[in-house]
Amino acid sequence: AHSAREGSDIAIDQIVIGSCTNGQLPDMAAAAAILKGHHLAPNVR
């Protein structure tokens, strides 16, 4: 476990939002609140 603040040097290729762990409506709402008005980085799926 690390703080999310420690990850600035870790480039990523993909995000997955869902699963039995975090696929409920409040999870979708939390993701949508961040993504609204934004677009994924060019090389991120």
All heavy atoms as atom14 arrays in JSON, in Angstrom:
{
  "sequence": "AHSAREGSDIAIDQIVIGSCTNGQLPDMAAAAAILKGHHLAPNVR",
  "atom14_mask": [
    [1, 1, 1, 1, 1, 0, 0, 0, 0, 0, 0, 0, 0, 0],
    [1, 1, 1, 1, 1, 1, 1, 1, 1, 1, 0, 0, 0, 0],
    [1, 1, 1, 1, 1, 1, 0, 0, 0, 0, 0, 0, 0, 0],
    [1, 1, 1, 1, 1, 0, 0, 0, 0, 0, 0, 0, 0, 0],
    [1, 1, 1, 1, 1, 1, 1, 1, 1, 1, 1, 0, 0, 0],
    [1, 1, 1, 1, 1, 1, 1, 1, 1, 0, 0, 0, 0, 0],
    [1, 1, 1, 1, 0, 0, 0, 0, 0, 0, 0, 0, 0, 0],
    [1, 1, 1, 1, 1, 1, 0, 0, 0, 0, 0, 0, 0, 0],
    [1, 1, 1, 1, 1, 1, 1, 1, 0, 0, 0, 0, 0, 0],
    [1, 1, 1, 1, 1, 1, 1, 1, 0, 0, 0, 0, 0, 0],
    [1, 1, 1, 1, 1, 0, 0, 0, 0, 0, 0, 0, 0, 0],
    [1, 1, 1, 1, 1, 1, 1, 1, 0, 0, 0, 0, 0, 0],
    [1, 1, 1, 1, 1, 1, 1, 1, 0, 0, 0, 0, 0, 0],
    [1, 1, 1, 1, 1, 1, 1, 1, 1, 0, 0, 0, 0, 0],
    [1, 1, 1, 1, 1, 1, 1, 1, 0, 0, 0, 0, 0, 0],
    [1, 1, 1, 1, 1, 1, 1, 0, 0, 0, 0, 0, 0, 0],
    [1, 1, 1, 1, 1, 1, 1, 1, 0, 0, 0, 0, 0, 0],
    [1, 1, 1, 1, 0, 0, 0, 0, 0, 0, 0, 0, 0, 0],
    [1, 1, 1, 1, 1, 1, 0, 0, 0, 0, 0, 0, 0, 0],
    [1, 1, 1, 1, 1, 1, 0, 0, 0, 0, 0, 0, 0, 0],
    [1, 1, 1, 1, 1, 1, 1, 0, 0, 0, 0, 0, 0, 0],
    [1, 1, 1, 1, 1, 1, 1, 1, 0, 0, 0, 0, 0, 0],
    [1, 1, 1, 1, 0, 0, 0, 0, 0, 0, 0, 0, 0, 0],
    [1, 1, 1, 1, 1, 1, 1, 1, 1, 0, 0, 0, 0, 0],
    [1, 1, 1, 1, 1, 1, 1, 1, 0, 0, 0, 0, 0, 0],
    [1, 1, 1, 1, 1, 1, 1, 0, 0, 0, 0, 0, 0, 0],
    [1, 1, 1, 1, 1, 1, 1, 1, 0, 0, 0, 0, 0, 0],
    [1, 1, 1, 1, 1, 1, 1, 1, 0, 0, 0, 0, 0, 0],
    [1, 1, 1, 1, 1, 0, 0, 0, 0, 0, 0, 0, 0, 0],
    [1, 1, 1, 1, 1, 0, 0, 0, 0, 0, 0, 0, 0, 0],
    [1, 1, 1, 1, 1, 0, 0, 0, 0, 0, 0, 0, 0, 0],
    [1, 1, 1, 1, 1, 0, 0, 0, 0, 0, 0, 0, 0, 0],
    [1, 1, 1, 1, 1, 0, 0, 0, 0, 0, 0, 0, 0, 0],
    [1, 1, 1, 1, 1, 1, 1, 1, 0, 0, 0, 0, 0, 0],
    [1, 1, 1, 1, 1, 1, 1, 1, 0, 0, 0, 0, 0, 0],
    [1, 1, 1, 1, 1, 1, 1, 1, 1, 0, 0, 0, 0, 0],
    [1, 1, 1, 1, 0, 0, 0, 0, 0, 0, 0, 0, 0, 0],
    [1, 1, 1, 1, 1, 1, 1, 1, 1, 1, 0, 0, 0, 0],
    [1, 1, 1, 1, 1, 1, 1, 1, 1, 1, 0, 0, 0, 0],
    [1, 1, 1, 1, 1, 1, 1, 1, 0, 0, 0, 0, 0, 0],
    [1, 1, 1, 1, 1, 0, 0, 0, 0, 0, 0, 0, 0, 0],
    [1, 1, 1, 1, 1, 1, 1, 0, 0, 0, 0, 0, 0, 0],
    [1, 1, 1, 1, 1, 1, 1, 1, 0, 0, 0, 0, 0, 0],
    [1, 1, 1, 1, 1, 1, 1, 0, 0, 0, 0, 0, 0, 0],
    [1, 1, 1, 1, 1, 1, 1, 1, 1, 1, 1, 0, 0, 0]
  ],
  "atom14_positions": [
    [[0.81, -1.21, 0.0], [0.0, 0.0, 0.0], [0.85, 1.27, 0.0], [1.8, 1.4, 0.78], [-0.93, 0.0, 1.21], [0.0, 0.0, 0.0], [0.0, 0.0, 0.0], [0.0, 0.0, 0.0], [0.0, 0.0, 0.0], [0.0, 0.0, 0.0], [0.0, 0.0, 0.0], [0.0, 0.0, 0.0], [0.0, 0.0, 0.0], [0.0, 0.0, 0.0]],
    [[0.49, 2.2, -0.87], [1.15, 3.49, -0.98], [0.1, 4.59, -1.14], [-1.01, 4.34, -1.61], [2.08, 3.52, -2.2], [3.23, 2.58, -2.13], [4.51, 2.98, -1.82], [3.3, 1.24, -2.32], [5.32, 1.93, -1.84], [4.61, 0.86, -2.13], [0.0, 0.0, 0.0], [0.0, 0.0, 0.0], [0.0, 0.0, 0.0], [0.0, 0.0, 0.0]],
    [[0.48, 5.79, -0.79], [-0.38, 6.93, -1.08], [-0.44, 7.15, -2.58], [0.56, 7.01, -3.29], [0.15, 8.19, -0.4], [-0.53, 9.34, -0.88], [0.0, 0.0, 0.0], [0.0, 0.0, 0.0], [0.0, 0.0, 0.0], [0.0, 0.0, 0.0], [0.0, 0.0, 0.0], [0.0, 0.0, 0.0], [0.0, 0.0, 0.0], [0.0, 0.0, 0.0]],
    [[-1.63, 7.52, -3.07], [-1.76, 7.84, -4.49], [-0.86, 9.01, -4.88], [-0.54, 9.18, -6.05], [-3.21, 8.17, -4.81], [0.0, 0.0, 0.0], [0.0, 0.0, 0.0], [0.0, 0.0, 0.0], [0.0, 0.0, 0.0], [0.0, 0.0, 0.0], [0.0, 0.0, 0.0], [0.0, 0.0, 0.0], [0.0, 0.0, 0.0], [0.0, 0.0, 0.0]],
    [[-0.46, 9.79, -3.91], [0.4, 10.95, -4.18], [1.82, 10.53, -4.57], [2.6, 11.37, -5.05], [0.44, 11.86, -2.95], [-0.94, 12.32, -2.48], [-0.85, 13.17, -1.21], [-2.15, 13.35, -0.59], [-3.02, 14.28, -0.92], [-2.72, 15.12, -1.87], [-4.19, 14.38, -0.3], [0.0, 0.0, 0.0], [0.0, 0.0, 0.0], [0.0, 0.0, 0.0]],
    [[2.15, 9.26, -4.38], [3.51, 8.79, -4.68], [3.67, 8.27, -6.1], [4.76, 7.82, -6.48], [3.89, 7.66, -3.71], [3.88, 8.03, -2.24], [4.14, 6.84, -1.34], [4.76, 5.86, -1.81], [3.69, 6.86, -0.18], [0.0, 0.0, 0.0], [0.0, 0.0, 0.0], [0.0, 0.0, 0.0], [0.0, 0.0, 0.0], [0.0, 0.0, 0.0]],
    [[2.62, 8.34, -6.91], [2.64, 7.66, -8.2], [2.91, 8.5, -9.42], [2.67, 8.05, -10.55], [0.0, 0.0, 0.0], [0.0, 0.0, 0.0], [0.0, 0.0, 0.0], [0.0, 0.0, 0.0], [0.0, 0.0, 0.0], [0.0, 0.0, 0.0], [0.0, 0.0, 0.0], [0.0, 0.0, 0.0], [0.0, 0.0, 0.0], [0.0, 0.0, 0.0]],
    [[3.41, 9.71, -9.26], [3.55, 10.61, -10.41], [4.51, 10.09, -11.48], [4.42, 10.48, -12.64], [3.99, 12.0, -9.93], [5.24, 11.92, -9.25], [0.0, 0.0, 0.0], [0.0, 0.0, 0.0], [0.0, 0.0, 0.0], [0.0, 0.0, 0.0], [0.0, 0.0, 0.0], [0.0, 0.0, 0.0], [0.0, 0.0, 0.0], [0.0, 0.0, 0.0]],
    [[5.43, 9.23, -11.1], [6.41, 8.71, -12.06], [5.99, 7.37, -12.66], [6.74, 6.78, -13.43], [7.78, 8.54, -11.38], [8.39, 9.86, -10.98], [8.11, 10.89, -11.64], [9.15, 9.88, -9.98], [0.0, 0.0, 0.0], [0.0, 0.0, 0.0], [0.0, 0.0, 0.0], [0.0, 0.0, 0.0], [0.0, 0.0, 0.0], [0.0, 0.0, 0.0]],
    [[4.78, 6.89, -12.3], [4.34, 5.58, -12.79], [3.31, 5.78, -13.91], [2.12, 6.01, -13.67], [3.74, 4.74, -11.65], [4.77, 4.57, -10.53], [3.3, 3.37, -12.18], [4.25, 3.85, -9.31], [0.0, 0.0, 0.0], [0.0, 0.0, 0.0], [0.0, 0.0, 0.0], [0.0, 0.0, 0.0], [0.0, 0.0, 0.0], [0.0, 0.0, 0.0]],
    [[3.78, 5.73, -15.15], [2.91, 5.88, -16.31], [2.05, 4.62, -16.47], [2.49, 3.51, -16.18], [3.73, 6.12, -17.57], [0.0, 0.0, 0.0], [0.0, 0.0, 0.0], [0.0, 0.0, 0.0], [0.0, 0.0, 0.0], [0.0, 0.0, 0.0], [0.0, 0.0, 0.0], [0.0, 0.0, 0.0], [0.0, 0.0, 0.0], [0.0, 0.0, 0.0]],
    [[0.82, 4.79, -16.95], [-0.11, 3.67, -17.08], [-0.64, 3.57, -18.5], [-0.59, 4.52, -19.29], [-1.28, 3.8, -16.08], [-2.15, 5.03, -16.4], [-0.76, 3.85, -14.65], [-3.44, 5.07, -15.63], [0.0, 0.0, 0.0], [0.0, 0.0, 0.0], [0.0, 0.0, 0.0], [0.0, 0.0, 0.0], [0.0, 0.0, 0.0], [0.0, 0.0, 0.0]],
    [[-1.18, 2.4, -18.81], [-1.73, 2.11, -20.13], [-3.24, 1.9, -20.12], [-3.87, 2.01, -21.17], [-1.06, 0.86, -20.72], [0.45, 0.98, -20.79], [0.95, 1.63, -21.72], [1.13, 0.43, -19.89], [0.0, 0.0, 0.0], [0.0, 0.0, 0.0], [0.0, 0.0, 0.0], [0.0, 0.0, 0.0], [0.0, 0.0, 0.0], [0.0, 0.0, 0.0]],
    [[-3.79, 1.59, -18.96], [-5.2, 1.21, -18.9], [-5.76, 1.49, -17.52], [-5.04, 1.42, -16.52], [-5.34, -0.29, -19.22], [-6.74, -0.85, -19.16], [-6.82, -2.25, -19.71], [-6.72, -2.46, -20.93], [-7.02, -3.25, -18.85], [0.0, 0.0, 0.0], [0.0, 0.0, 0.0], [0.0, 0.0, 0.0], [0.0, 0.0, 0.0], [0.0, 0.0, 0.0]],
    [[-7.06, 1.81, -17.48], [-7.79, 1.83, -16.22], [-9.0, 0.91, -16.36], [-9.59, 0.8, -17.43], [-8.25, 3.25, -15.79], [-9.19, 3.87, -16.84], [-7.04, 4.14, -15.54], [-9.85, 5.17, -16.38], [0.0, 0.0, 0.0], [0.0, 0.0, 0.0], [0.0, 0.0, 0.0], [0.0, 0.0, 0.0], [0.0, 0.0, 0.0], [0.0, 0.0, 0.0]],
    [[-9.34, 0.23, -15.28], [-10.54, -0.59, -15.21], [-11.35, -0.13, -14.01], [-10.84, -0.13, -12.88], [-10.21, -2.09, -15.09], [-11.49, -2.9, -14.83], [-9.53, -2.6, -16.34], [0.0, 0.0, 0.0], [0.0, 0.0, 0.0], [0.0, 0.0, 0.0], [0.0, 0.0, 0.0], [0.0, 0.0, 0.0], [0.0, 0.0, 0.0], [0.0, 0.0, 0.0]],
    [[-12.59, 0.27, -14.24], [-13.49, 0.72, -13.18], [-14.68, -0.21, -13.16], [-15.48, -0.24, -14.09], [-13.92, 2.19, -13.4], [-12.7, 3.11, -13.38], [-14.94, 2.61, -12.34], [-12.98, 4.53, -13.83], [0.0, 0.0, 0.0], [0.0, 0.0, 0.0], [0.0, 0.0, 0.0], [0.0, 0.0, 0.0], [0.0, 0.0, 0.0], [0.0, 0.0, 0.0]],
    [[-14.8, -1.0, -12.1], [-15.88, -1.98, -11.99], [-15.49, -3.11, -11.07], [-14.74, -2.91, -10.12], [0.0, 0.0, 0.0], [0.0, 0.0, 0.0], [0.0, 0.0, 0.0], [0.0, 0.0, 0.0], [0.0, 0.0, 0.0], [0.0, 0.0, 0.0], [0.0, 0.0, 0.0], [0.0, 0.0, 0.0], [0.0, 0.0, 0.0], [0.0, 0.0, 0.0]],
    [[-16.01, -4.28, -11.29], [-15.76, -5.52, -10.54], [-16.73, -5.67, -9.37], [-17.47, -4.74, -9.03], [-14.31, -5.62, -10.03], [-14.15, -4.91, -8.8], [0.0, 0.0, 0.0], [0.0, 0.0, 0.0], [0.0, 0.0, 0.0], [0.0, 0.0, 0.0], [0.0, 0.0, 0.0], [0.0, 0.0, 0.0], [0.0, 0.0, 0.0], [0.0, 0.0, 0.0]],
    [[-16.67, -6.86, -8.71], [-17.5, -7.1, -7.53], [-17.11, -6.17, -6.39], [-17.89, -5.92, -5.48], [-17.39, -8.56, -7.08], [-15.74, -9.1, -6.53], [0.0, 0.0, 0.0], [0.0, 0.0, 0.0], [0.0, 0.0, 0.0], [0.0, 0.0, 0.0], [0.0, 0.0, 0.0], [0.0, 0.0, 0.0], [0.0, 0.0, 0.0], [0.0, 0.0, 0.0]],
    [[-15.89, -5.63, -6.46], [-15.38, -4.76, -5.4], [-15.85, -3.33, -5.55], [-16.19, -2.67, -4.56], [-13.84, -4.8, -5.4], [-13.4, -6.14, -5.45], [-13.28, -4.12, -4.17], [0.0, 0.0, 0.0], [0.0, 0.0, 0.0], [0.0, 0.0, 0.0], [0.0, 0.0, 0.0], [0.0, 0.0, 0.0], [0.0, 0.0, 0.0], [0.0, 0.0, 0.0]],
    [[-15.87, -2.82, -6.75], [-16.18, -1.4, -6.98], [-16.97, -1.18, -8.25], [-16.65, -0.28, -9.05], [-14.88, -0.59, -7.06], [-14.28, -0.27, -5.71], [-13.14, -0.64, -5.42], [-15.02, 0.42, -4.87], [0.0, 0.0, 0.0], [0.0, 0.0, 0.0], [0.0, 0.0, 0.0], [0.0, 0.0, 0.0], [0.0, 0.0, 0.0], [0.0, 0.0, 0.0]],
    [[-18.04, -1.94, -8.43], [-18.89, -1.75, -9.6], [-20.29, -1.25, -9.29], [-21.17, -1.28, -10.15], [0.0, 0.0, 0.0], [0.0, 0.0, 0.0], [0.0, 0.0, 0.0], [0.0, 0.0, 0.0], [0.0, 0.0, 0.0], [0.0, 0.0, 0.0], [0.0, 0.0, 0.0], [0.0, 0.0, 0.0], [0.0, 0.0, 0.0], [0.0, 0.0, 0.0]],
    [[-20.48, -0.74, -8.06], [-21.8, -0.26, -7.66], [-22.05, 1.15, -8.18], [-21.14, 1.85, -8.62], [-21.91, -0.29, -6.14], [-21.69, -1.67, -5.52], [-22.94, -2.52, -5.48], [-23.97, -2.14, -6.04], [-22.88, -3.65, -4.78], [0.0, 0.0, 0.0], [0.0, 0.0, 0.0], [0.0, 0.0, 0.0], [0.0, 0.0, 0.0], [0.0, 0.0, 0.0]],
    [[-23.29, 1.61, -8.08], [-23.64, 2.93, -8.6], [-22.82, 4.05, -7.96], [-22.35, 4.95, -8.67], [-25.14, 3.2, -8.46], [-25.63, 4.48, -9.15], [-25.38, 4.42, -10.65], [-27.13, 4.7, -8.88], [0.0, 0.0, 0.0], [0.0, 0.0, 0.0], [0.0, 0.0, 0.0], [0.0, 0.0, 0.0], [0.0, 0.0, 0.0], [0.0, 0.0, 0.0]],
    [[-22.6, 4.08, -6.65], [-21.75, 5.13, -6.09], [-20.32, 5.09, -6.63], [-19.66, 6.13, -6.72], [-21.77, 4.83, -4.58], [-23.06, 4.12, -4.36], [-23.24, 3.27, -5.58], [0.0, 0.0, 0.0], [0.0, 0.0, 0.0], [0.0, 0.0, 0.0], [0.0, 0.0, 0.0], [0.0, 0.0, 0.0], [0.0, 0.0, 0.0], [0.0, 0.0, 0.0]],
    [[-19.83, 3.9, -7.01], [-18.52, 3.81, -7.64], [-18.54, 4.47, -9.01], [-17.6, 5.18, -9.39], [-18.1, 2.35, -7.77], [-17.98, 1.66, -6.43], [-17.3, 2.2, -5.53], [-18.55, 0.55, -6.27], [0.0, 0.0, 0.0], [0.0, 0.0, 0.0], [0.0, 0.0, 0.0], [0.0, 0.0, 0.0], [0.0, 0.0, 0.0], [0.0, 0.0, 0.0]],
    [[-19.6, 4.21, -9.76], [-19.75, 4.84, -11.06], [-19.86, 6.36, -10.91], [-19.27, 7.12, -11.7], [-21.0, 4.31, -11.77], [-21.03, 2.8, -11.99], [-19.81, 2.21, -13.18], [-18.71, 1.29, -12.08], [0.0, 0.0, 0.0], [0.0, 0.0, 0.0], [0.0, 0.0, 0.0], [0.0, 0.0, 0.0], [0.0, 0.0, 0.0], [0.0, 0.0, 0.0]],
    [[-20.59, 6.79, -9.9], [-20.76, 8.22, -9.66], [-19.43, 8.89, -9.32], [-19.13, 10.0, -9.79], [-21.77, 8.45, -8.53], [0.0, 0.0, 0.0], [0.0, 0.0, 0.0], [0.0, 0.0, 0.0], [0.0, 0.0, 0.0], [0.0, 0.0, 0.0], [0.0, 0.0, 0.0], [0.0, 0.0, 0.0], [0.0, 0.0, 0.0], [0.0, 0.0, 0.0]],
    [[-18.62, 8.22, -8.49], [-17.32, 8.77, -8.11], [-16.41, 8.92, -9.32], [-15.71, 9.93, -9.47], [-16.67, 7.89, -7.05], [0.0, 0.0, 0.0], [0.0, 0.0, 0.0], [0.0, 0.0, 0.0], [0.0, 0.0, 0.0], [0.0, 0.0, 0.0], [0.0, 0.0, 0.0], [0.0, 0.0, 0.0], [0.0, 0.0, 0.0], [0.0, 0.0, 0.0]],
    [[-16.41, 7.92, -10.18], [-15.59, 7.98, -11.39], [-16.1, 9.06, -12.34], [-15.31, 9.82, -12.92], [-15.58, 6.63, -12.08], [0.0, 0.0, 0.0], [0.0, 0.0, 0.0], [0.0, 0.0, 0.0], [0.0, 0.0, 0.0], [0.0, 0.0, 0.0], [0.0, 0.0, 0.0], [0.0, 0.0, 0.0], [0.0, 0.0, 0.0], [0.0, 0.0, 0.0]],
    [[-17.42, 9.14, -12.5], [-18.01, 10.12, -13.41], [-17.71, 11.54, -12.95], [-17.48, 12.44, -13.77], [-19.51, 9.9, -13.53], [0.0, 0.0, 0.0], [0.0, 0.0, 0.0], [0.0, 0.0, 0.0], [0.0, 0.0, 0.0], [0.0, 0.0, 0.0], [0.0, 0.0, 0.0], [0.0, 0.0, 0.0], [0.0, 0.0, 0.0], [0.0, 0.0, 0.0]],
    [[-17.72, 11.78, -11.64], [-17.45, 13.12, -11.11], [-16.04, 13.58, -11.47], [-15.81, 14.77, -11.69], [-17.64, 13.12, -9.6], [0.0, 0.0, 0.0], [0.0, 0.0, 0.0], [0.0, 0.0, 0.0], [0.0, 0.0, 0.0], [0.0, 0.0, 0.0], [0.0, 0.0, 0.0], [0.0, 0.0, 0.0], [0.0, 0.0, 0.0], [0.0, 0.0, 0.0]],
    [[-15.1, 12.65, -11.53], [-13.73, 12.98, -11.89], [-13.59, 13.14, -13.41], [-12.94, 14.06, -13.9], [-12.75, 11.89, -11.4], [-12.87, 11.67, -9.89], [-11.32, 12.24, -11.78], [-12.44, 12.79, -9.03], [0.0, 0.0, 0.0], [0.0, 0.0, 0.0], [0.0, 0.0, 0.0], [0.0, 0.0, 0.0], [0.0, 0.0, 0.0], [0.0, 0.0, 0.0]],
    [[-14.2, 12.23, -14.16], [-14.04, 12.22, -15.61], [-14.83, 13.31, -16.34], [-14.49, 13.67, -17.47], [-14.46, 10.85, -16.16], [-13.54, 9.66, -15.84], [-14.21, 8.35, -16.17], [-12.22, 9.79, -16.58], [0.0, 0.0, 0.0], [0.0, 0.0, 0.0], [0.0, 0.0, 0.0], [0.0, 0.0, 0.0], [0.0, 0.0, 0.0], [0.0, 0.0, 0.0]],
    [[-15.86, 13.84, -15.71], [-16.71, 14.82, -16.38], [-15.89, 16.02, -16.86], [-15.16, 16.65, -16.09], [-17.81, 15.29, -15.44], [-18.85, 16.19, -16.12], [-19.98, 16.54, -15.17], [-21.04, 17.36, -15.89], [-22.18, 17.69, -14.99], [0.0, 0.0, 0.0], [0.0, 0.0, 0.0], [0.0, 0.0, 0.0], [0.0, 0.0, 0.0], [0.0, 0.0, 0.0]],
    [[-16.03, 16.32, -18.14], [-15.31, 17.44, -18.71], [-13.86, 17.16, -19.03], [-13.13, 18.06, -19.46], [0.0, 0.0, 0.0], [0.0, 0.0, 0.0], [0.0, 0.0, 0.0], [0.0, 0.0, 0.0], [0.0, 0.0, 0.0], [0.0, 0.0, 0.0], [0.0, 0.0, 0.0], [0.0, 0.0, 0.0], [0.0, 0.0, 0.0], [0.0, 0.0, 0.0]],
    [[-13.42, 15.92, -18.84], [-12.04, 15.53, -19.12], [-12.01, 14.41, -20.15], [-13.03, 13.79, -20.46], [-11.33, 15.08, -17.85], [-11.15, 16.14, -16.81], [-12.09, 16.35, -15.83], [-10.16, 17.04, -16.6], [-11.67, 17.35, -15.04], [-10.51, 17.79, -15.5], [0.0, 0.0, 0.0], [0.0, 0.0, 0.0], [0.0, 0.0, 0.0], [0.0, 0.0, 0.0]],
    [[-10.82, 14.13, -20.65], [-10.61, 13.0, -21.55], [-9.41, 12.22, -21.08], [-8.48, 12.78, -20.49], [-10.38, 13.49, -22.98], [-10.58, 12.44, -24.02], [-9.61, 11.49, -24.33], [-11.66, 12.14, -24.8], [-10.07, 10.68, -25.26], [-11.31, 11.05, -25.58], [0.0, 0.0, 0.0], [0.0, 0.0, 0.0], [0.0, 0.0, 0.0], [0.0, 0.0, 0.0]],
    [[-9.46, 10.92, -21.31], [-8.32, 10.1, -20.96], [-7.06, 10.58, -21.67], [-7.12, 11.12, -22.77], [-8.59, 8.64, -21.33], [-9.75, 7.93, -20.64], [-9.88, 6.5, -21.17], [-9.58, 7.92, -19.13], [0.0, 0.0, 0.0], [0.0, 0.0, 0.0], [0.0, 0.0, 0.0], [0.0, 0.0, 0.0], [0.0, 0.0, 0.0], [0.0, 0.0, 0.0]],
    [[-5.93, 10.37, -21.02], [-4.64, 10.68, -21.63], [-4.51, 9.9, -22.94], [-5.1, 8.83, -23.1], [-3.51, 10.35, -20.67], [0.0, 0.0, 0.0], [0.0, 0.0, 0.0], [0.0, 0.0, 0.0], [0.0, 0.0, 0.0], [0.0, 0.0, 0.0], [0.0, 0.0, 0.0], [0.0, 0.0, 0.0], [0.0, 0.0, 0.0], [0.0, 0.0, 0.0]],
    [[-3.72, 10.41, -23.89], [-3.67, 9.82, -25.24], [-3.39, 8.33, -25.29], [-3.89, 7.65, -26.1], [-2.54, 10.62, -25.91], [-2.55, 11.94, -25.2], [-2.91, 11.63, -23.78], [0.0, 0.0, 0.0], [0.0, 0.0, 0.0], [0.0, 0.0, 0.0], [0.0, 0.0, 0.0], [0.0, 0.0, 0.0], [0.0, 0.0, 0.0], [0.0, 0.0, 0.0]],
    [[-2.61, 7.8, -24.47], [-2.22, 6.39, -24.56], [-2.87, 5.52, -23.49], [-2.39, 4.41, -23.22], [-0.7, 6.27, -24.47], [0.0, 6.94, -25.65], [-0.41, 6.79, -26.8], [1.05, 7.7, -25.35], [0.0, 0.0, 0.0], [0.0, 0.0, 0.0], [0.0, 0.0, 0.0], [0.0, 0.0, 0.0], [0.0, 0.0, 0.0], [0.0, 0.0, 0.0]],
    [[-3.97, 5.99, -22.9], [-4.65, 5.24, -21.85], [-5.99, 4.72, -22.36], [-6.78, 5.47, -22.93], [-4.88, 6.11, -20.59], [-5.69, 5.33, -19.55], [-3.54, 6.53, -20.0], [0.0, 0.0, 0.0], [0.0, 0.0, 0.0], [0.0, 0.0, 0.0], [0.0, 0.0, 0.0], [0.0, 0.0, 0.0], [0.0, 0.0, 0.0], [0.0, 0.0, 0.0]],
    [[-6.24, 3.44, -22.15], [-7.52, 2.8, -22.45], [-8.37, 2.78, -21.19], [-7.87, 2.45, -20.11], [-7.31, 1.37, -22.96], [-6.29, 1.25, -24.09], [-6.12, -0.17, -24.58], [-5.62, -1.09, -23.56], [-4.33, -1.3, -23.3], [-3.4, -0.62, -23.97], [-3.95, -2.17, -22.38], [0.0, 0.0, 0.0], [0.0, 0.0, 0.0], [0.0, 0.0, 0.0]]
  ]
}
